[in-house]
Every structure is written in structure tokens, then in C-alpha cells.
Amino acid sequence: MNVAVVDPQTPGNIGTIARGMKNFGLSELLLVNPPELPRESEAYGFAGHAREDVLPNAQEVSFDYLVENFHTVGTTAITNEDARKHVRYPFKTPVELRESLKEVDTETCLVFGREDTGLTNEEMARLDEVVSIPASEEYPVMNLAQAATIVFYELRELNVEGYQLPENVKERAPEGDIEALYEQFASFLESINHPEPKREKATRLFRRVMGRAHPTVREATTLRGIFRRAGDLLEHPERLED
């Protein structure tokens, strides 16, 4: 399992996140547009023993890289409670996320946002799932490093050495196949002349459903074929007679 922090502003928070990762069996830290992290910075001062491996081995990547290479789980304190909105809904608690990930073999990346604003709606819309920590309605927003550590703790069974996954674990299709499925679905919406203002929401809803379903290679390939065939027949109705 990987951890990504998007546009972090405070080196100390990066170090604290690295330390929490080390505590709970995580080692792969990815940073999108990070600040400078020299050895004398707070990042290394707050990292504890993670200064020896997690932090110095952190990779700088793009947001596109996260979306294209991992099953992504965006973290947020602010959620949508209305099923008609799909940017931050439906969401799971960290415990619910742990239980669902036990059932699937996939390369997952936990994605955390900025200290002040978190992940934007545009970024959230591109991620596969959403997780949120239940907290007081009066003040649900947590410090970035604290929230990350809580998520790491709840997922410790998946990352701490010695835990065994169930034998019947499901293997999720590679991210490239699933992203191609989303593209095929978007083409299908165009083929059926789905109202253009609604296409973005429909595609996001489909992403959320697939993000929770964890389709296999065969399932993703079959769905792509169905959408491709349907779109082709809509453009060439005479082929229905074949």
C-alpha cells in the first residue's frame, strides 16, 4: 500500500506522516508538488526512525501518475451526505475500507490533500473511492498528520508483517484497464447523446461504482466490449441484422 500527499505545505507534517507510516508497516511515500526537504528541515526532525528509509526514499510524482497507476482512495473530512452528489459520496470509514480491501488484491494508494483545503472537488472526482474519519459534527476537520496516522492505524492489519490475506482474495484489474473502461463508458455516453451537462456526473458515478466493485481483468474487458459494441451499433444500426 502506498501513501500520497498532494501539495503539502509543511515539512513537519510530511515527517510526521512518514513516522506514522513507519509505525504501521507502510514504506512507500509519494509526494505531489512537495516543498524542499533538506536533512536539516522539520520533516527529518519529526520523522523519527522513518528518517532512515521512508522519508529519504519518498518519490515526487504527478497527480496523473497516482490516478493512472493505483486504486486510489481519497481522504476527506468534508463529505456529501446526499446520494445525488458523487464527488465525496458514498464514503467509507477507515474500518470499512480495511474490510473491503481484505477481499481484493490491488495496489492501493491513500491520497491526502493540503493542510488548509484538503483535496479539491476536481481531484476527488478522479479518485476511485472516498474515506472519511467519523468525528464531531461541530469540528470534523483534523490536522493532516493526525488524520493520516488514524487511517494507518485502522489499516494496520493489511500492512504490518504477519497478517495473512484470505485465500479467496479477488484480484483487481490493472489500473490501465480500468481507466480504459472509464474512457469507453464516456464514449458510450457520447454515442447515446447523453445530455452533455450530465456526462461528467454520470462518469463520476460510474467511477465510484467500479471503485467499490474492484472489477477483475475479465469483468473490465467484458464491460468495455459491451460499451464498445453498443456504441458501434448506435452509429451503424444496419449492423443489428448481422
Protein backbone atom coordinates (compact mmCIF):
# COMPACT_ATOMS: atom_id res chain seq x y z
CA MET A 1 0.00 0.00 0.00
CA ASN A 2 1.20 3.48 -0.93
CA VAL A 3 0.65 6.88 0.65
CA ALA A 4 0.48 10.13 -1.34
CA VAL A 5 0.32 13.70 -0.10
CA VAL A 6 -0.83 16.31 -2.62
CA ASP A 7 0.73 19.75 -2.49
CA PRO A 8 1.92 19.52 1.14
CA GLN A 9 2.90 22.88 2.60
CA THR A 10 4.53 21.98 5.91
CA PRO A 11 7.69 19.83 6.02
CA GLY A 12 6.91 18.88 9.61
CA ASN A 13 3.62 17.26 8.55
CA ILE A 14 5.43 15.24 5.91
CA GLY A 15 7.84 13.99 8.54
CA THR A 16 5.04 13.11 10.95
CA ILE A 17 3.19 11.23 8.21
CA ALA A 18 6.38 9.31 7.41
CA ARG A 19 6.72 8.41 11.08
CA GLY A 20 3.11 7.18 11.22
CA MET A 21 3.75 5.08 8.12
CA LYS A 22 6.78 3.50 9.79
CA ASN A 23 4.70 2.74 12.90
CA PHE A 24 2.10 0.80 10.95
CA GLY A 25 4.04 -1.06 8.29
CA LEU A 26 3.95 1.36 5.36
CA SER A 27 7.02 2.44 3.43
CA GLU A 28 6.06 3.89 0.02
CA LEU A 29 5.59 7.67 0.28
CA LEU A 30 4.66 9.67 -2.83
CA LEU A 31 4.64 13.48 -2.87
CA VAL A 32 2.88 15.73 -5.38
CA ASN A 33 4.48 19.16 -5.59
CA PRO A 34 6.26 19.00 -2.22
CA PRO A 35 8.39 21.72 -0.62
CA GLU A 36 12.13 21.29 -0.30
CA LEU A 37 13.03 18.67 2.31
CA PRO A 38 16.67 19.15 3.30
CA ARG A 39 18.13 16.96 6.05
CA GLU A 40 18.03 19.86 8.50
CA SER A 41 14.31 20.53 7.90
CA GLU A 42 11.45 19.75 10.30
CA ALA A 43 10.49 16.85 8.05
CA TYR A 44 13.53 14.88 9.22
CA GLY A 45 13.24 16.22 12.75
CA PHE A 46 9.67 14.88 13.08
CA ALA A 47 10.17 11.62 11.18
CA GLY A 48 11.78 9.58 13.95
CA HIS A 49 13.22 6.34 12.57
CA ALA A 50 11.37 6.99 9.30
CA ARG A 51 14.18 9.45 8.53
CA GLU A 52 16.32 6.41 7.73
CA ASP A 53 14.18 4.94 4.94
CA VAL A 54 10.60 6.17 4.38
CA LEU A 55 11.38 9.87 4.07
CA PRO A 56 14.64 9.78 2.07
CA ASN A 57 13.08 7.25 -0.34
CA ALA A 58 9.95 9.35 -0.95
CA GLN A 59 9.25 9.91 -4.65
CA GLU A 60 7.96 13.09 -6.25
CA VAL A 61 5.17 12.25 -8.71
CA SER A 62 2.29 13.92 -10.53
CA PHE A 63 -1.39 13.60 -9.66
CA ASP A 64 -1.90 11.93 -13.04
CA TYR A 65 0.61 9.27 -12.02
CA LEU A 66 -1.48 8.39 -8.97
CA VAL A 67 -4.68 8.07 -10.98
CA GLU A 68 -3.09 6.01 -13.74
CA ASN A 69 -1.15 3.56 -11.58
CA PHE A 70 -3.13 2.86 -8.39
CA HIS A 71 -6.51 2.09 -6.96
CA THR A 72 -6.86 5.49 -5.31
CA VAL A 73 -8.61 6.29 -2.05
CA GLY A 74 -9.09 9.99 -1.39
CA THR A 75 -9.34 11.14 2.21
CA THR A 76 -11.58 13.99 3.33
CA ALA A 77 -13.19 15.46 6.43
CA ILE A 78 -15.94 17.17 4.41
CA THR A 79 -18.35 14.69 2.85
CA ASN A 80 -21.58 14.77 0.84
CA GLU A 81 -24.49 13.10 2.62
CA ASP A 82 -26.69 13.27 -0.45
CA ALA A 83 -26.58 10.28 -2.83
CA ARG A 84 -27.25 12.64 -5.74
CA LYS A 85 -23.75 14.05 -5.32
CA HIS A 86 -20.90 11.72 -6.20
CA VAL A 87 -17.77 13.78 -5.55
CA ARG A 88 -17.47 12.91 -1.86
CA TYR A 89 -20.23 10.31 -1.64
CA PRO A 90 -20.53 7.46 -0.95
CA PHE A 91 -17.63 7.32 1.51
CA LYS A 92 -16.25 4.68 3.85
CA THR A 93 -14.82 4.89 7.32
CA PRO A 94 -11.23 3.64 7.68
CA VAL A 95 -12.54 0.40 9.23
CA GLU A 96 -14.94 -0.17 6.33
CA LEU A 97 -12.09 0.49 3.91
CA ARG A 98 -9.92 -2.08 5.70
CA GLU A 99 -12.63 -4.74 5.48
CA SER A 100 -13.22 -4.12 1.77
CA LEU A 101 -9.50 -4.17 0.91
CA LYS A 102 -9.13 -7.54 2.64
CA GLU A 103 -11.19 -9.03 -0.18
CA VAL A 104 -9.17 -7.75 -3.11
CA ASP A 105 -5.60 -7.91 -4.38
CA THR A 106 -4.82 -4.45 -5.67
CA GLU A 107 -2.11 -1.80 -5.50
CA THR A 108 -3.82 0.85 -3.41
CA CYS A 109 -2.74 4.43 -2.75
CA LEU A 110 -4.13 6.51 0.11
CA VAL A 111 -4.29 10.11 -1.11
CA PHE A 112 -4.17 13.01 1.35
CA GLY A 113 -4.59 16.67 0.47
CA ARG A 114 -3.35 20.05 1.58
CA GLU A 115 -3.20 21.12 5.21
CA ASP A 116 -5.60 24.03 4.69
CA THR A 117 -8.01 22.98 1.92
CA GLY A 118 -7.52 19.23 1.50
CA LEU A 119 -8.24 17.70 -1.90
CA THR A 120 -10.26 19.76 -4.38
CA ASN A 121 -13.53 18.50 -5.85
CA GLU A 122 -11.78 18.18 -9.21
CA GLU A 123 -9.11 15.95 -7.68
CA MET A 124 -11.66 13.93 -5.70
CA ALA A 125 -13.66 13.29 -8.85
CA ARG A 126 -10.69 11.47 -10.40
CA LEU A 127 -10.13 9.12 -7.46
CA ASP A 128 -11.76 5.71 -7.09
CA GLU A 129 -13.03 5.76 -3.51
CA VAL A 130 -13.50 8.18 -0.64
CA VAL A 131 -12.70 7.62 3.04
CA SER A 132 -13.52 9.87 5.98
CA ILE A 133 -12.88 9.64 9.72
CA PRO A 134 -16.05 9.92 11.85
CA ALA A 135 -15.58 12.96 14.07
CA SER A 136 -17.62 15.59 15.86
CA GLU A 137 -20.05 17.42 13.58
CA GLU A 138 -19.07 20.62 15.37
CA TYR A 139 -15.44 20.26 14.28
CA PRO A 140 -14.78 17.35 11.88
CA VAL A 141 -11.61 18.79 10.32
CA MET A 142 -8.44 17.19 11.69
CA ASN A 143 -4.77 18.02 11.42
CA LEU A 144 -3.39 16.36 8.29
CA ALA A 145 -0.76 14.24 10.05
CA GLN A 146 -3.20 13.19 12.80
CA ALA A 147 -5.81 12.10 10.27
CA ALA A 148 -3.23 10.15 8.29
CA THR A 149 -2.00 8.34 11.39
CA ILE A 150 -5.53 7.31 12.34
CA VAL A 151 -6.10 5.84 8.86
CA PHE A 152 -2.76 4.00 9.01
CA TYR A 153 -3.69 2.55 12.40
CA GLU A 154 -7.04 1.24 11.19
CA LEU A 155 -5.39 -0.36 8.14
CA ARG A 156 -2.54 -1.90 10.13
CA GLU A 157 -3.79 -5.46 9.59
CA LEU A 158 -3.13 -5.06 5.87
CA ASN A 159 0.38 -3.70 6.26
CA VAL A 160 2.03 -4.97 9.43
CA GLU A 161 4.15 -8.05 8.80
CA GLY A 162 2.49 -11.31 9.81
CA TYR A 163 -1.06 -10.61 8.70
CA GLN A 164 -2.37 -13.07 6.09
CA LEU A 165 -4.96 -12.13 3.48
CA PRO A 166 -7.88 -14.53 2.92
CA GLU A 167 -7.23 -17.32 0.41
CA ASN A 168 -10.18 -16.28 -1.78
CA VAL A 169 -8.93 -12.72 -2.29
CA LYS A 170 -10.10 -11.12 -5.54
CA GLU A 171 -7.50 -9.80 -7.99
CA ARG A 172 -8.44 -6.35 -9.27
CA ALA A 173 -7.75 -5.44 -12.88
CA PRO A 174 -4.69 -3.23 -13.54
CA GLU A 175 -5.36 0.50 -13.37
CA GLY A 176 -4.69 0.91 -17.10
CA ASP A 177 -7.54 -1.50 -17.90
CA ILE A 178 -9.92 0.25 -15.53
CA GLU A 179 -9.05 3.73 -16.80
CA ALA A 180 -9.69 2.41 -20.33
CA LEU A 181 -13.10 1.21 -19.11
CA TYR A 182 -13.92 4.71 -17.88
CA GLU A 183 -12.90 6.14 -21.26
CA GLN A 184 -15.08 3.58 -23.05
CA PHE A 185 -18.02 4.49 -20.82
CA ALA A 186 -17.51 8.18 -21.62
CA SER A 187 -17.51 7.35 -25.36
CA PHE A 188 -20.71 5.36 -24.87
CA LEU A 189 -22.41 8.34 -23.23
CA GLU A 190 -21.47 10.40 -26.26
CA SER A 191 -22.83 7.71 -28.60
CA ILE A 192 -26.25 7.70 -26.92
CA ASN A 193 -26.28 11.51 -26.90
CA HIS A 194 -26.49 11.61 -23.12
CA PRO A 195 -27.11 15.25 -22.10
CA GLU A 196 -23.68 16.85 -22.15
CA PRO A 197 -24.08 18.73 -18.83
CA LYS A 198 -24.81 15.38 -17.13
CA ARG A 199 -21.96 13.34 -18.64
CA GLU A 200 -19.36 14.36 -16.07
CA LYS A 201 -21.62 13.34 -13.18
CA ALA A 202 -22.55 10.07 -14.88
CA THR A 203 -18.90 9.21 -15.47
CA ARG A 204 -18.02 10.07 -11.87
CA LEU A 205 -20.89 7.89 -10.60
CA PHE A 206 -19.63 5.01 -12.76
CA ARG A 207 -16.11 5.52 -11.37
CA ARG A 208 -17.42 5.34 -7.81
CA VAL A 209 -19.34 2.13 -8.55
CA MET A 210 -16.33 0.48 -10.19
CA GLY A 211 -14.06 1.77 -7.42
CA ARG A 212 -16.10 -0.14 -4.85
CA ALA A 213 -16.64 -3.19 -7.07
CA HIS A 214 -12.95 -3.84 -7.85
CA PRO A 215 -13.56 -5.42 -11.30
CA THR A 216 -11.30 -8.24 -12.45
CA VAL A 217 -9.49 -8.20 -15.79
CA ARG A 218 -12.24 -10.29 -17.38
CA GLU A 219 -15.01 -8.11 -15.95
CA ALA A 220 -13.36 -4.89 -17.12
CA THR A 221 -12.69 -6.35 -20.57
CA THR A 222 -16.26 -7.62 -20.90
CA LEU A 223 -17.76 -4.28 -19.90
CA ARG A 224 -15.51 -2.44 -22.33
CA GLY A 225 -16.62 -4.79 -25.09
CA ILE A 226 -20.30 -4.24 -24.29
CA PHE A 227 -19.99 -0.45 -24.32
CA ARG A 228 -17.90 -0.57 -27.50
CA ARG A 229 -20.41 -2.85 -29.24
CA ALA A 230 -23.38 -0.75 -28.14
CA GLY A 231 -21.74 2.45 -29.34
CA ASP A 232 -20.85 0.87 -32.66
CA LEU A 233 -24.43 -0.33 -33.23
CA LEU A 234 -25.81 3.09 -32.41
CA GLU A 235 -23.58 4.61 -35.09
CA HIS A 236 -24.29 1.79 -37.57
CA PRO A 237 -27.81 0.43 -36.84
CA GLU A 238 -27.75 -1.65 -40.02
CA ARG A 239 -25.30 -3.99 -38.25
CA LEU A 240 -28.07 -5.12 -35.90
CA GLU A 241 -29.09 -7.52 -38.66
CA ASP A 242 -25.67 -9.27 -38.61
